[in-house]
């Protein structure tokens, strides 16, 4: 099974998303967004910007 993004409303009424691996493990969690549309834009941004993102040790 492929990974997936889950979009949800938190207890404070803010929208968040999490990225889950194919085995169901959460591998990333977003910041809080005030609207569902903004959270969806965040998902699109991760999809667009992360494929070739370098790994940098700090």
Protein backbone atom coordinates (compact mmCIF):
# COMPACT_ATOMS: atom_id res chain seq x y z
CA UNK A 1 0.00 0.00 0.00
CA UNK A 2 1.28 3.48 -0.84
CA UNK A 3 1.65 6.31 1.64
CA UNK A 4 -1.15 8.82 2.11
CA UNK A 5 -1.91 12.26 3.48
CA UNK A 6 -4.63 12.51 6.12
CA UNK A 7 -6.34 15.90 6.50
CA UNK A 8 -8.13 16.49 9.81
CA UNK A 9 -9.47 19.09 12.20
CA UNK A 10 -7.72 19.18 15.58
CA UNK A 11 -9.31 19.74 18.99
CA UNK A 12 -8.75 23.50 18.69
CA UNK A 13 -10.65 23.76 15.40
CA UNK A 14 -7.50 24.14 13.29
CA UNK A 15 -6.70 22.00 10.25
CA UNK A 16 -3.64 19.78 10.06
CA UNK A 17 -2.35 16.99 7.91
CA UNK A 18 -0.13 14.03 8.54
CA UNK A 19 1.77 11.88 6.08
CA UNK A 20 1.54 8.17 6.72
CA UNK A 21 3.76 5.48 5.25
CA UNK A 22 2.27 2.43 3.57
CA UNK A 23 2.49 0.52 6.86
CA UNK A 24 0.39 3.18 8.65
CA UNK A 25 3.26 4.80 10.54
CA UNK A 26 3.08 8.60 10.81
CA UNK A 27 6.21 10.04 9.20
CA UNK A 28 5.37 13.76 9.11
CA UNK A 29 2.91 16.13 10.79
CA UNK A 30 2.02 19.66 9.66
CA UNK A 31 1.61 22.91 11.49
CA UNK A 32 -1.91 24.14 12.25
CA UNK A 33 -3.83 25.97 9.52
CA UNK A 34 -6.86 28.18 10.06
CA UNK A 35 -8.68 26.83 6.98
CA UNK A 36 -9.03 23.52 5.22
CA UNK A 37 -7.99 25.16 1.93
CA UNK A 38 -4.71 26.32 3.49
CA UNK A 39 -4.00 22.83 4.78
CA UNK A 40 -4.65 21.42 1.30
CA UNK A 41 -2.21 24.00 -0.10
CA UNK A 42 0.33 22.75 2.45
CA UNK A 43 -0.11 19.20 1.19
CA UNK A 44 0.35 20.37 -2.40
CA UNK A 45 3.49 22.24 -1.39
CA UNK A 46 5.01 19.12 0.17
CA UNK A 47 4.16 17.09 -2.93
CA UNK A 48 5.73 19.73 -5.20
CA UNK A 49 8.81 20.73 -3.23
CA UNK A 50 9.97 17.57 -1.47
CA UNK A 51 10.75 15.01 -4.23
CA UNK A 52 14.33 16.22 -4.70
CA UNK A 53 14.89 17.91 -1.35
CA UNK A 54 18.41 17.33 -0.06
CA UNK A 55 19.15 15.87 3.37
CA UNK A 56 21.27 18.33 5.35
CA UNK A 57 22.83 17.56 8.72
CA UNK A 58 22.84 20.47 11.16
